[in-house]
Amino acid sequence: MQWTRDGAHNILQIRGMITSNEWDKNWQRPILSALVGAVKPA
């Protein structure tokens, strides 16, 4: 298995945020925006 450059970058961003305790403050924004993008309007 190989990571794409973008995929590896995203994982390292998350790991860095978790390590620096920034994850608890910032996790909602990317998760909620991904969920909004995944929901199709009726």
PDB file of N, CA and C in Angstrom:
ATOM      1  N   MET A   1       0.849  -1.174   0.000  1.00  0.00           N
ATOM      2  CA  MET A   1       0.000   0.000   0.000  1.00  0.00           C
ATOM      3  C   MET A   1       0.892   1.233   0.000  1.00  0.00           C
ATOM      4  N   GLN A   2       0.501   2.225  -0.758  1.00  0.00           N
ATOM      5  CA  GLN A   2       1.247   3.478  -0.798  1.00  0.00           C
ATOM      6  C   GLN A   2       0.297   4.648  -0.584  1.00  0.00           C
ATOM      7  N   TRP A   3       0.811   5.651   0.088  1.00  0.00           N
ATOM      8  CA  TRP A   3       0.045   6.868   0.294  1.00  0.00           C
ATOM      9  C   TRP A   3       0.287   7.806  -0.877  1.00  0.00           C
ATOM     10  N   THR A   4      -0.752   8.527  -1.251  1.00  0.00           N
ATOM     11  CA  THR A   4      -0.521   9.629  -2.183  1.00  0.00           C
ATOM     12  C   THR A   4       0.103  10.766  -1.384  1.00  0.00           C
ATOM     13  N   ARG A   5       0.691  11.690  -2.076  1.00  0.00           N
ATOM     14  CA  ARG A   5       1.291  12.846  -1.392  1.00  0.00           C
ATOM     15  C   ARG A   5       0.232  13.613  -0.601  1.00  0.00           C
ATOM     16  N   ASP A   6      -0.936  13.821  -1.204  1.00  0.00           N
ATOM     17  CA  ASP A   6      -2.016  14.539  -0.519  1.00  0.00           C
ATOM     18  C   ASP A   6      -2.540  13.760   0.680  1.00  0.00           C
ATOM     19  N   GLY A   7      -2.705  12.454   0.520  1.00  0.00           N
ATOM     20  CA  GLY A   7      -3.199  11.625   1.616  1.00  0.00           C
ATOM     21  C   GLY A   7      -2.235  11.612   2.788  1.00  0.00           C
ATOM     22  N   ALA A   8      -0.946  11.492   2.510  1.00  0.00           N
ATOM     23  CA  ALA A   8       0.058  11.502   3.573  1.00  0.00           C
ATOM     24  C   ALA A   8       0.078  12.856   4.275  1.00  0.00           C
ATOM     25  N   HIS A   9      -0.040  13.914   3.505  1.00  0.00           N
ATOM     26  CA  HIS A   9      -0.058  15.259   4.091  1.00  0.00           C
ATOM     27  C   HIS A   9      -1.238  15.408   5.053  1.00  0.00           C
ATOM     28  N   ASN A  10      -2.414  14.949   4.646  1.00  0.00           N
ATOM     29  CA  ASN A  10      -3.596  15.068   5.498  1.00  0.00           C
ATOM     30  C   ASN A  10      -3.440  14.284   6.791  1.00  0.00           C
ATOM     31  N   ILE A  11      -2.906  13.080   6.707  1.00  0.00           N
ATOM     32  CA  ILE A  11      -2.692  12.263   7.907  1.00  0.00           C
ATOM     33  C   ILE A  11      -1.686  12.936   8.832  1.00  0.00           C
ATOM     34  N   LEU A  12      -0.605  13.467   8.271  1.00  0.00           N
ATOM     35  CA  LEU A  12       0.389  14.139   9.104  1.00  0.00           C
ATOM     36  C   LEU A  12      -0.166  15.402   9.748  1.00  0.00           C
ATOM     37  N   GLN A  13      -1.053  16.093   9.054  1.00  0.00           N
ATOM     38  CA  GLN A  13      -1.708  17.263   9.646  1.00  0.00           C
ATOM     39  C   GLN A  13      -2.525  16.856  10.872  1.00  0.00           C
ATOM     40  N   ILE A  14      -3.295  15.793  10.739  1.00  0.00           N
ATOM     41  CA  ILE A  14      -4.120  15.315  11.853  1.00  0.00           C
ATOM     42  C   ILE A  14      -3.235  14.851  13.002  1.00  0.00           C
ATOM     43  N   ARG A  15      -2.209  14.063  12.709  1.00  0.00           N
ATOM     44  CA  ARG A  15      -1.315  13.575  13.773  1.00  0.00           C
ATOM     45  C   ARG A  15      -0.632  14.723  14.493  1.00  0.00           C
ATOM     46  N   GLY A  16      -0.228  15.735  13.753  1.00  0.00           N
ATOM     47  CA  GLY A  16       0.402  16.905  14.371  1.00  0.00           C
ATOM     48  C   GLY A  16      -0.565  17.655  15.268  1.00  0.00           C
ATOM     49  N   MET A  17      -1.813  17.788  14.819  1.00  0.00           N
ATOM     50  CA  MET A  17      -2.821  18.474  15.638  1.00  0.00           C
ATOM     51  C   MET A  17      -3.109  17.699  16.916  1.00  0.00           C
ATOM     52  N   ILE A  18      -3.181  16.384  16.830  1.00  0.00           N
ATOM     53  CA  ILE A  18      -3.437  15.560  18.013  1.00  0.00           C
ATOM     54  C   ILE A  18      -2.268  15.679  18.982  1.00  0.00           C
ATOM     55  N   THR A  19      -1.057  15.605  18.465  1.00  0.00           N
ATOM     56  CA  THR A  19       0.143  15.677  19.307  1.00  0.00           C
ATOM     57  C   THR A  19       0.261  17.027  20.010  1.00  0.00           C
ATOM     58  N   SER A  20      -0.112  18.104  19.337  1.00  0.00           N
ATOM     59  CA  SER A  20       0.015  19.437  19.915  1.00  0.00           C
ATOM     60  C   SER A  20      -1.233  19.878  20.679  1.00  0.00           C
ATOM     61  N   ASN A  21      -2.168  18.968  20.867  1.00  0.00           N
ATOM     62  CA  ASN A  21      -3.418  19.254  21.584  1.00  0.00           C
ATOM     63  C   ASN A  21      -4.286  20.301  20.891  1.00  0.00           C
ATOM     64  N   GLU A  22      -4.074  20.509  19.602  1.00  0.00           N
ATOM     65  CA  GLU A  22      -4.917  21.423  18.829  1.00  0.00           C
ATOM     66  C   GLU A  22      -6.170  20.727  18.312  1.00  0.00           C
ATOM     67  N   TRP A  23      -6.178  19.406  18.270  1.00  0.00           N
ATOM     68  CA  TRP A  23      -7.285  18.647  17.708  1.00  0.00           C
ATOM     69  C   TRP A  23      -8.589  18.950  18.423  1.00  0.00           C
ATOM     70  N   ASP A  24      -8.562  18.988  19.760  1.00  0.00           N
ATOM     71  CA  ASP A  24      -9.790  19.217  20.514  1.00  0.00           C
ATOM     72  C   ASP A  24     -10.441  20.548  20.159  1.00  0.00           C
ATOM     73  N   LYS A  25      -9.635  21.563  19.841  1.00  0.00           N
ATOM     74  CA  LYS A  25     -10.187  22.872  19.491  1.00  0.00           C
ATOM     75  C   LYS A  25     -10.653  22.948  18.042  1.00  0.00           C
ATOM     76  N   ASN A  26     -10.018  22.181  17.160  1.00  0.00           N
ATOM     77  CA  ASN A  26     -10.203  22.403  15.725  1.00  0.00           C
ATOM     78  C   ASN A  26     -10.840  21.268  14.947  1.00  0.00           C
ATOM     79  N   TRP A  27     -11.236  20.188  15.577  1.00  0.00           N
ATOM     80  CA  TRP A  27     -11.720  19.039  14.818  1.00  0.00           C
ATOM     81  C   TRP A  27     -13.076  19.293  14.172  1.00  0.00           C
ATOM     82  N   GLN A  28     -13.897  20.124  14.776  1.00  0.00           N
ATOM     83  CA  GLN A  28     -15.267  20.284  14.283  1.00  0.00           C
ATOM     84  C   GLN A  28     -15.341  20.903  12.893  1.00  0.00           C
ATOM     85  N   ARG A  29     -14.536  21.904  12.618  1.00  0.00           N
ATOM     86  CA  ARG A  29     -14.616  22.607  11.331  1.00  0.00           C
ATOM     87  C   ARG A  29     -14.427  21.675  10.140  1.00  0.00           C
ATOM     88  N   PRO A  30     -13.329  20.901  10.053  1.00  0.00           N
ATOM     89  CA  PRO A  30     -13.176  20.042   8.870  1.00  0.00           C
ATOM     90  C   PRO A  30     -14.182  18.896   8.818  1.00  0.00           C
ATOM     91  N   ILE A  31     -14.545  18.348   9.977  1.00  0.00           N
ATOM     92  CA  ILE A  31     -15.490  17.233   9.991  1.00  0.00           C
ATOM     93  C   ILE A  31     -16.872  17.707   9.555  1.00  0.00           C
ATOM     94  N   LEU A  32     -17.319  18.822  10.107  1.00  0.00           N
ATOM     95  CA  LEU A  32     -18.648  19.326   9.745  1.00  0.00           C
ATOM     96  C   LEU A  32     -18.704  19.767   8.286  1.00  0.00           C
ATOM     97  N   SER A  33     -17.643  20.371   7.781  1.00  0.00           N
ATOM     98  CA  SER A  33     -17.668  20.781   6.374  1.00  0.00           C
ATOM     99  C   SER A  33     -17.671  19.560   5.458  1.00  0.00           C
ATOM    100  N   ALA A  34     -16.982  18.488   5.849  1.00  0.00           N
ATOM    101  CA  ALA A  34     -17.008  17.261   5.055  1.00  0.00           C
ATOM    102  C   ALA A  34     -18.401  16.640   5.068  1.00  0.00           C
ATOM    103  N   LEU A  35     -19.054  16.680   6.225  1.00  0.00           N
ATOM    104  CA  LEU A  35     -20.408  16.122   6.316  1.00  0.00           C
ATOM    105  C   LEU A  35     -21.395  16.933   5.481  1.00  0.00           C
ATOM    106  N   VAL A  36     -21.274  18.245   5.524  1.00  0.00           N
ATOM    107  CA  VAL A  36     -22.164  19.088   4.732  1.00  0.00           C
ATOM    108  C   VAL A  36     -21.960  18.817   3.245  1.00  0.00           C
ATOM    109  N   GLY A  37     -20.718  18.618   2.826  1.00  0.00           N
ATOM    110  CA  GLY A  37     -20.431  18.333   1.424  1.00  0.00           C
ATOM    111  C   GLY A  37     -20.930  16.960   1.005  1.00  0.00           C
ATOM    112  N   ALA A  38     -21.068  16.040   1.955  1.00  0.00           N
ATOM    113  CA  ALA A  38     -21.493  14.686   1.639  1.00  0.00           C
ATOM    114  C   ALA A  38     -23.001  14.553   1.546  1.00  0.00           C
ATOM    115  N   VAL A  39     -23.735  15.489   2.123  1.00  0.00           N
ATOM    116  CA  VAL A  39     -25.200  15.406   2.136  1.00  0.00           C
ATOM    117  C   VAL A  39     -25.737  16.093   0.885  1.00  0.00           C
ATOM    118  N   LYS A  40     -26.558  15.348   0.157  1.00  0.00           N
ATOM    119  CA  LYS A  40     -27.168  15.902  -1.052  1.00  0.00           C
ATOM    120  C   LYS A  40     -28.474  16.593  -0.680  1.00  0.00           C
ATOM    121  N   PRO A  41     -28.702  17.787  -1.220  1.00  0.00           N
ATOM    122  CA  PRO A  41     -29.993  18.444  -0.961  1.00  0.00           C
ATOM    123  C   PRO A  41     -31.146  17.646  -1.584  1.00  0.00           C
ATOM    124  N   ALA A  42     -32.265  17.667  -0.908  1.00  0.00           N
ATOM    125  CA  ALA A  42     -33.427  16.903  -1.381  1.00  0.00           C
ATOM    126  C   ALA A  42     -34.111  17.556  -2.535  1.00  0.00           C
TER     127      ALA A  42
END
